[in-house]
Amino acid sequence: MAAYTFPSSWNRAFLRLDGRGSYGSLKYQGSGTQDSVPDLIVEARGVAGMDFPSGSGVSFSPYLGVGYRHLYNDSRGYTSTNAAGYRRYSNYLYAPVGVTIRFDLGKRWVLAPTGEADIFIRGKQKSRLSDANVGFNDVTNTQKHGGGYRFYLMVEKDHLAFGAWMHYWDIKDSDVQPTGPGTAGLEPANWTRESGIEFRYRF
């Protein structure tokens, strides 16, 4: 993950750009189960906000912006119920709205929790159904409903910051598109949960 915050020239306002990428193996649960499913996530965001310090060692930094999230999932093979898998490409456009609260703990230590709602704007889901059945056409579905949220609990001192985070997405059923003669398909409702420990060095 990398982020850059532009130095403010408008009093307490700020503009931050950040991006991240991750790759790992997931466990699929749906039509049976499947282990070690390759999964890639790439995300880019831009947010703008303003710092509101108070006289009691507490400051509030609300922000809003726009984000793009790309997921690649390779479920080729068979689940525990012998259902055939296929490759999936997900693209989400969303609007992050959140706030960071900073508590001065003394001796330059700061506790900085962040809460954010991710307002889902639109999604496109490309499914290579031909991986599972050569008689099926690859299909692109549109997703219109869903949302997410994320939380961070960071501790900061000078150039260093560390803490825990959690991201969650819940996307509803897509529209229905034809997949072949007399057949149609949709991307069913799904959810994604990520969590981890993060260390940052601020230049």
C-alpha atoms as a PDB file:
ATOM      1  CA  MET A   1       0.000   0.000   0.000  1.00  0.00           C
ATOM      2  CA  ALA A   2       1.201   3.536  -0.766  1.00  0.00           C
ATOM      3  CA  ALA A   3      -0.376   6.934  -0.103  1.00  0.00           C
ATOM      4  CA  TYR A   4       0.451  10.567  -0.688  1.00  0.00           C
ATOM      5  CA  THR A   5      -1.172  13.544   1.023  1.00  0.00           C
ATOM      6  CA  PHE A   6      -0.737  16.851  -0.741  1.00  0.00           C
ATOM      7  CA  PRO A   7       0.544  19.663   1.490  1.00  0.00           C
ATOM      8  CA  SER A   8      -2.329  21.945   2.271  1.00  0.00           C
ATOM      9  CA  SER A   9      -2.339  25.435   0.872  1.00  0.00           C
ATOM     10  CA  TRP A  10      -5.945  26.104   1.932  1.00  0.00           C
ATOM     11  CA  ASN A  11      -5.725  26.338   5.691  1.00  0.00           C
ATOM     12  CA  ARG A  12      -6.694  22.866   7.074  1.00  0.00           C
ATOM     13  CA  ALA A  13      -7.856  21.166   3.837  1.00  0.00           C
ATOM     14  CA  PHE A  14      -6.072  18.096   2.446  1.00  0.00           C
ATOM     15  CA  LEU A  15      -6.099  15.867  -0.644  1.00  0.00           C
ATOM     16  CA  ARG A  16      -4.904  12.269  -0.395  1.00  0.00           C
ATOM     17  CA  LEU A  17      -4.242   9.685  -3.102  1.00  0.00           C
ATOM     18  CA  ASP A  18      -3.641   6.063  -2.195  1.00  0.00           C
ATOM     19  CA  GLY A  19      -3.437   2.666  -3.827  1.00  0.00           C
ATOM     20  CA  ARG A  20      -2.902  -0.901  -2.750  1.00  0.00           C
ATOM     21  CA  GLY A  21      -2.565  -4.365  -4.173  1.00  0.00           C
ATOM     22  CA  SER A  22      -2.821  -7.795  -2.570  1.00  0.00           C
ATOM     23  CA  TYR A  23      -2.610 -11.394  -3.729  1.00  0.00           C
ATOM     24  CA  GLY A  24      -3.481 -14.530  -1.834  1.00  0.00           C
ATOM     25  CA  SER A  25      -5.326 -17.836  -1.719  1.00  0.00           C
ATOM     26  CA  LEU A  26      -8.943 -17.933  -0.536  1.00  0.00           C
ATOM     27  CA  LYS A  27     -11.457 -20.570   0.485  1.00  0.00           C
ATOM     28  CA  TYR A  28     -14.584 -20.596  -1.688  1.00  0.00           C
ATOM     29  CA  GLN A  29     -17.944 -21.440  -0.093  1.00  0.00           C
ATOM     30  CA  GLY A  30     -20.987 -21.633  -2.355  1.00  0.00           C
ATOM     31  CA  SER A  31     -21.775 -24.611  -4.575  1.00  0.00           C
ATOM     32  CA  GLY A  32     -19.611 -26.726  -2.317  1.00  0.00           C
ATOM     33  CA  THR A  33     -16.195 -25.596  -1.089  1.00  0.00           C
ATOM     34  CA  GLN A  34     -12.838 -25.104  -2.782  1.00  0.00           C
ATOM     35  CA  ASP A  35      -9.469 -24.331  -1.173  1.00  0.00           C
ATOM     36  CA  SER A  36      -6.475 -22.342  -2.443  1.00  0.00           C
ATOM     37  CA  VAL A  37      -8.383 -20.144  -4.893  1.00  0.00           C
ATOM     38  CA  PRO A  38      -6.017 -17.474  -6.359  1.00  0.00           C
ATOM     39  CA  ASP A  39      -7.322 -13.968  -5.652  1.00  0.00           C
ATOM     40  CA  LEU A  40      -5.964 -10.540  -6.652  1.00  0.00           C
ATOM     41  CA  ILE A  41      -7.189  -7.139  -5.423  1.00  0.00           C
ATOM     42  CA  VAL A  42      -6.049  -3.767  -6.831  1.00  0.00           C
ATOM     43  CA  GLU A  43      -7.508  -0.527  -5.510  1.00  0.00           C
ATOM     44  CA  ALA A  44      -6.992   3.198  -6.172  1.00  0.00           C
ATOM     45  CA  ARG A  45      -8.645   6.104  -4.339  1.00  0.00           C
ATOM     46  CA  GLY A  46      -8.652   9.856  -4.062  1.00  0.00           C
ATOM     47  CA  VAL A  47     -10.212  11.692  -1.109  1.00  0.00           C
ATOM     48  CA  ALA A  48     -10.443  15.308   0.035  1.00  0.00           C
ATOM     49  CA  GLY A  49     -11.181  16.517   3.532  1.00  0.00           C
ATOM     50  CA  MET A  50     -10.456  19.023   6.262  1.00  0.00           C
ATOM     51  CA  ASP A  51      -8.884  18.931   9.729  1.00  0.00           C
ATOM     52  CA  PHE A  52     -10.866  20.363  12.639  1.00  0.00           C
ATOM     53  CA  PRO A  53      -8.698  20.590  15.766  1.00  0.00           C
ATOM     54  CA  SER A  54     -10.235  21.199  19.170  1.00  0.00           C
ATOM     55  CA  GLY A  55      -8.733  22.691  22.279  1.00  0.00           C
ATOM     56  CA  SER A  56      -8.816  19.397  24.190  1.00  0.00           C
ATOM     57  CA  GLY A  57      -6.175  17.430  22.265  1.00  0.00           C
ATOM     58  CA  VAL A  58      -8.713  15.888  19.905  1.00  0.00           C
ATOM     59  CA  SER A  59      -9.039  16.595  16.170  1.00  0.00           C
ATOM     60  CA  PHE A  60     -11.570  15.457  13.570  1.00  0.00           C
ATOM     61  CA  SER A  61     -10.734  14.896   9.888  1.00  0.00           C
ATOM     62  CA  PRO A  62     -13.824  14.100   7.789  1.00  0.00           C
ATOM     63  CA  TYR A  63     -13.279  13.234   4.117  1.00  0.00           C
ATOM     64  CA  LEU A  64     -15.035  12.033   0.976  1.00  0.00           C
ATOM     65  CA  GLY A  65     -13.904  11.005  -2.485  1.00  0.00           C
ATOM     66  CA  VAL A  66     -14.034   8.362  -5.185  1.00  0.00           C
ATOM     67  CA  GLY A  67     -12.525   4.887  -5.373  1.00  0.00           C
ATOM     68  CA  TYR A  68     -11.993   2.072  -7.880  1.00  0.00           C
ATOM     69  CA  ARG A  69     -11.625  -1.578  -6.881  1.00  0.00           C
ATOM     70  CA  HIS A  70     -10.614  -4.465  -9.167  1.00  0.00           C
ATOM     71  CA  LEU A  71     -10.779  -8.113  -8.161  1.00  0.00           C
ATOM     72  CA  TYR A  72      -9.589 -11.177 -10.061  1.00  0.00           C
ATOM     73  CA  ASN A  73     -10.631 -14.599  -8.825  1.00  0.00           C
ATOM     74  CA  ASP A  74      -9.587 -17.895 -10.465  1.00  0.00           C
ATOM     75  CA  SER A  75     -11.907 -20.719  -9.388  1.00  0.00           C
ATOM     76  CA  ARG A  76     -11.112 -23.060 -12.274  1.00  0.00           C
ATOM     77  CA  GLY A  77     -11.343 -26.663 -11.186  1.00  0.00           C
ATOM     78  CA  TYR A  78     -14.018 -28.398  -9.131  1.00  0.00           C
ATOM     79  CA  THR A  79     -15.584 -27.799  -5.746  1.00  0.00           C
ATOM     80  CA  SER A  80     -16.342 -30.469  -3.149  1.00  0.00           C
ATOM     81  CA  THR A  81     -19.706 -31.073  -4.894  1.00  0.00           C
ATOM     82  CA  ASN A  82     -18.043 -31.344  -8.352  1.00  0.00           C
ATOM     83  CA  ALA A  83     -19.329 -27.950  -9.498  1.00  0.00           C
ATOM     84  CA  ALA A  84     -16.999 -26.500 -12.158  1.00  0.00           C
ATOM     85  CA  GLY A  85     -15.428 -23.107 -11.452  1.00  0.00           C
ATOM     86  CA  TYR A  86     -14.345 -20.267 -13.722  1.00  0.00           C
ATOM     87  CA  ARG A  87     -12.449 -16.971 -13.746  1.00  0.00           C
ATOM     88  CA  ARG A  88     -14.190 -13.825 -12.517  1.00  0.00           C
ATOM     89  CA  TYR A  89     -13.239 -10.158 -12.938  1.00  0.00           C
ATOM     90  CA  SER A  90     -14.977  -7.609 -10.692  1.00  0.00           C
ATOM     91  CA  ASN A  91     -14.802  -3.827 -11.095  1.00  0.00           C
ATOM     92  CA  TYR A  92     -16.397  -1.516  -8.510  1.00  0.00           C
ATOM     93  CA  LEU A  93     -16.776   2.256  -8.537  1.00  0.00           C
ATOM     94  CA  TYR A  94     -17.631   3.701  -5.131  1.00  0.00           C
ATOM     95  CA  ALA A  95     -17.576   6.829  -2.977  1.00  0.00           C
ATOM     96  CA  PRO A  96     -15.703   6.620   0.353  1.00  0.00           C
ATOM     97  CA  VAL A  97     -17.083   8.833   3.150  1.00  0.00           C
ATOM     98  CA  GLY A  98     -15.330   8.723   6.504  1.00  0.00           C
ATOM     99  CA  VAL A  99     -13.698  10.443   9.435  1.00  0.00           C
ATOM    100  CA  THR A 100     -10.426  10.054  11.324  1.00  0.00           C
ATOM    101  CA  ILE A 101     -10.350  11.126  14.970  1.00  0.00           C
ATOM    102  CA  ARG A 102      -6.954  11.811  16.515  1.00  0.00           C
ATOM    103  CA  PHE A 103      -6.392  11.743  20.280  1.00  0.00           C
ATOM    104  CA  ASP A 104      -3.190  13.299  21.643  1.00  0.00           C
ATOM    105  CA  LEU A 105      -1.771  10.789  24.147  1.00  0.00           C
ATOM    106  CA  GLY A 106       1.223  12.923  25.080  1.00  0.00           C
ATOM    107  CA  LYS A 107       4.922  12.683  24.231  1.00  0.00           C
ATOM    108  CA  ARG A 108       4.022  12.852  20.501  1.00  0.00           C
ATOM    109  CA  TRP A 109       1.944   9.650  20.635  1.00  0.00           C
ATOM    110  CA  VAL A 110      -1.424   9.797  18.851  1.00  0.00           C
ATOM    111  CA  LEU A 111      -4.316   7.337  18.759  1.00  0.00           C
ATOM    112  CA  ALA A 112      -6.090   7.586  15.373  1.00  0.00           C
ATOM    113  CA  PRO A 113      -9.218   5.472  14.737  1.00  0.00           C
ATOM    114  CA  THR A 114     -10.932   5.800  11.335  1.00  0.00           C
ATOM    115  CA  GLY A 115     -14.432   4.769  10.319  1.00  0.00           C
ATOM    116  CA  GLU A 116     -15.581   4.800   6.699  1.00  0.00           C
ATOM    117  CA  ALA A 117     -18.686   3.940   4.676  1.00  0.00           C
ATOM    118  CA  ASP A 118     -18.121   2.930   1.044  1.00  0.00           C
ATOM    119  CA  ILE A 119     -21.134   3.958  -1.025  1.00  0.00           C
ATOM    120  CA  PHE A 120     -21.475   1.613  -3.984  1.00  0.00           C
ATOM    121  CA  ILE A 121     -22.016   3.421  -7.311  1.00  0.00           C
ATOM    122  CA  ARG A 122     -21.778   0.728  -9.988  1.00  0.00           C
ATOM    123  CA  GLY A 123     -20.093  -2.588 -10.628  1.00  0.00           C
ATOM    124  CA  LYS A 124     -19.233  -4.700 -13.665  1.00  0.00           C
ATOM    125  CA  GLN A 125     -18.701  -8.427 -13.316  1.00  0.00           C
ATOM    126  CA  LYS A 126     -17.114 -10.404 -16.149  1.00  0.00           C
ATOM    127  CA  SER A 127     -17.447 -14.180 -15.827  1.00  0.00           C
ATOM    128  CA  ARG A 128     -15.580 -16.537 -18.134  1.00  0.00           C
ATOM    129  CA  LEU A 129     -18.243 -19.238 -18.021  1.00  0.00           C
ATOM    130  CA  SER A 130     -16.562 -21.011 -20.934  1.00  0.00           C
ATOM    131  CA  ASP A 131     -13.959 -22.182 -18.378  1.00  0.00           C
ATOM    132  CA  ALA A 132     -16.682 -24.310 -16.771  1.00  0.00           C
ATOM    133  CA  ASN A 133     -18.619 -25.324 -19.878  1.00  0.00           C
ATOM    134  CA  VAL A 134     -17.564 -24.782 -23.486  1.00  0.00           C
ATOM    135  CA  GLY A 135     -21.245 -24.455 -24.375  1.00  0.00           C
ATOM    136  CA  PHE A 136     -21.589 -21.265 -22.313  1.00  0.00           C
ATOM    137  CA  ASN A 137     -20.725 -17.763 -23.464  1.00  0.00           C
ATOM    138  CA  ASP A 138     -18.621 -15.438 -21.340  1.00  0.00           C
ATOM    139  CA  VAL A 139     -20.930 -12.827 -19.811  1.00  0.00           C
ATOM    140  CA  THR A 140     -20.700  -9.335 -18.293  1.00  0.00           C
ATOM    141  CA  ASN A 141     -23.222  -8.449 -15.582  1.00  0.00           C
ATOM    142  CA  THR A 142     -23.999  -5.046 -14.090  1.00  0.00           C
ATOM    143  CA  GLN A 143     -24.186  -4.660 -10.304  1.00  0.00           C
ATOM    144  CA  LYS A 144     -26.155  -1.698  -8.938  1.00  0.00           C
ATOM    145  CA  HIS A 145     -26.710  -2.411  -5.253  1.00  0.00           C
ATOM    146  CA  GLY A 146     -24.401  -3.018  -2.337  1.00  0.00           C
ATOM    147  CA  GLY A 147     -21.991  -1.235  -0.043  1.00  0.00           C
ATOM    148  CA  GLY A 148     -19.087  -1.605   2.294  1.00  0.00           C
ATOM    149  CA  TYR A 149     -17.298  -0.198   5.275  1.00  0.00           C
ATOM    150  CA  ARG A 150     -13.820  -0.169   6.753  1.00  0.00           C
ATOM    151  CA  PHE A 151     -12.231   0.534  10.108  1.00  0.00           C
ATOM    152  CA  TYR A 152      -8.680   1.361  11.170  1.00  0.00           C
ATOM    153  CA  LEU A 153      -7.204   1.653  14.655  1.00  0.00           C
ATOM    154  CA  MET A 154      -3.765   3.211  14.294  1.00  0.00           C
ATOM    155  CA  VAL A 155      -1.169   4.467  16.753  1.00  0.00           C
ATOM    156  CA  GLU A 156       1.119   7.213  15.427  1.00  0.00           C
ATOM    157  CA  LYS A 157       4.378   8.782  16.561  1.00  0.00           C
ATOM    158  CA  ASP A 158       6.486  11.059  14.378  1.00  0.00           C
ATOM    159  CA  HIS A 159       7.131   9.172  11.105  1.00  0.00           C
ATOM    160  CA  LEU A 160       5.813   5.821  12.319  1.00  0.00           C
ATOM    161  CA  ALA A 161       2.273   4.404  12.510  1.00  0.00           C
ATOM    162  CA  PHE A 162       0.965   0.901  13.183  1.00  0.00           C
ATOM    163  CA  GLY A 163      -2.320  -0.780  13.955  1.00  0.00           C
ATOM    164  CA  ALA A 164      -5.127  -3.039  12.763  1.00  0.00           C
ATOM    165  CA  TRP A 165      -7.671  -2.698   9.965  1.00  0.00           C
ATOM    166  CA  MET A 166     -10.760  -4.402   8.590  1.00  0.00           C
ATOM    167  CA  HIS A 167     -12.558  -4.022   5.220  1.00  0.00           C
ATOM    168  CA  TYR A 168     -15.984  -5.443   4.388  1.00  0.00           C
ATOM    169  CA  TRP A 169     -18.048  -5.505   1.178  1.00  0.00           C
ATOM    170  CA  ASP A 170     -21.592  -6.800   0.624  1.00  0.00           C
ATOM    171  CA  ILE A 171     -22.717  -6.752  -3.032  1.00  0.00           C
ATOM    172  CA  LYS A 172     -26.250  -7.740  -4.074  1.00  0.00           C
ATOM    173  CA  ASP A 173     -27.446  -9.788  -7.071  1.00  0.00           C
ATOM    174  CA  SER A 174     -26.522  -8.399 -10.490  1.00  0.00           C
ATOM    175  CA  ASP A 175     -28.785  -8.094 -13.509  1.00  0.00           C
ATOM    176  CA  VAL A 176     -29.469 -11.172 -15.651  1.00  0.00           C
ATOM    177  CA  GLN A 177     -27.682 -11.709 -18.964  1.00  0.00           C
ATOM    178  CA  PRO A 178     -27.942 -14.511 -21.562  1.00  0.00           C
ATOM    179  CA  THR A 179     -25.206 -17.151 -21.355  1.00  0.00           C
ATOM    180  CA  GLY A 180     -26.249 -19.365 -24.248  1.00  0.00           C
ATOM    181  CA  PRO A 181     -29.273 -20.678 -26.153  1.00  0.00           C
ATOM    182  CA  GLY A 182     -32.175 -20.703 -23.700  1.00  0.00           C
ATOM    183  CA  THR A 183     -29.956 -19.970 -20.661  1.00  0.00           C
ATOM    184  CA  ALA A 184     -29.179 -16.866 -18.597  1.00  0.00           C
ATOM    185  CA  GLY A 185     -27.079 -16.070 -15.578  1.00  0.00           C
ATOM    186  CA  LEU A 186     -26.441 -13.503 -12.871  1.00  0.00           C
ATOM    187  CA  GLU A 187     -23.658 -12.777 -10.412  1.00  0.00           C
ATOM    188  CA  PRO A 188     -25.186 -13.799  -7.069  1.00  0.00           C
ATOM    189  CA  ALA A 189     -24.958 -11.716  -3.919  1.00  0.00           C
ATOM    190  CA  ASN A 190     -21.558 -12.049  -2.279  1.00  0.00           C
ATOM    191  CA  TRP A 191     -19.540 -10.606   0.556  1.00  0.00           C
ATOM    192  CA  THR A 192     -15.835 -10.052   1.139  1.00  0.00           C
ATOM    193  CA  ARG A 193     -14.066  -9.533   4.457  1.00  0.00           C
ATOM    194  CA  GLU A 194     -10.384  -8.611   4.861  1.00  0.00           C
ATOM    195  CA  SER A 195      -8.420  -7.834   8.008  1.00  0.00           C
ATOM    196  CA  GLY A 196      -4.796  -7.352   8.909  1.00  0.00           C
ATOM    197  CA  ILE A 197      -2.031  -5.564  10.766  1.00  0.00           C
ATOM    198  CA  GLU A 198      -0.367  -2.561   9.137  1.00  0.00           C
ATOM    199  CA  PHE A 199       2.911  -0.707   9.652  1.00  0.00           C
ATOM    200  CA  ARG A 200       3.496   2.666   7.978  1.00  0.00           C
ATOM    201  CA  TYR A 201       6.467   4.949   7.557  1.00  0.00           C
ATOM    202  CA  ARG A 202       5.572   8.545   6.708  1.00  0.00           C
ATOM    203  CA  PHE A 203       8.141  10.594   4.803  1.00  0.00           C
END
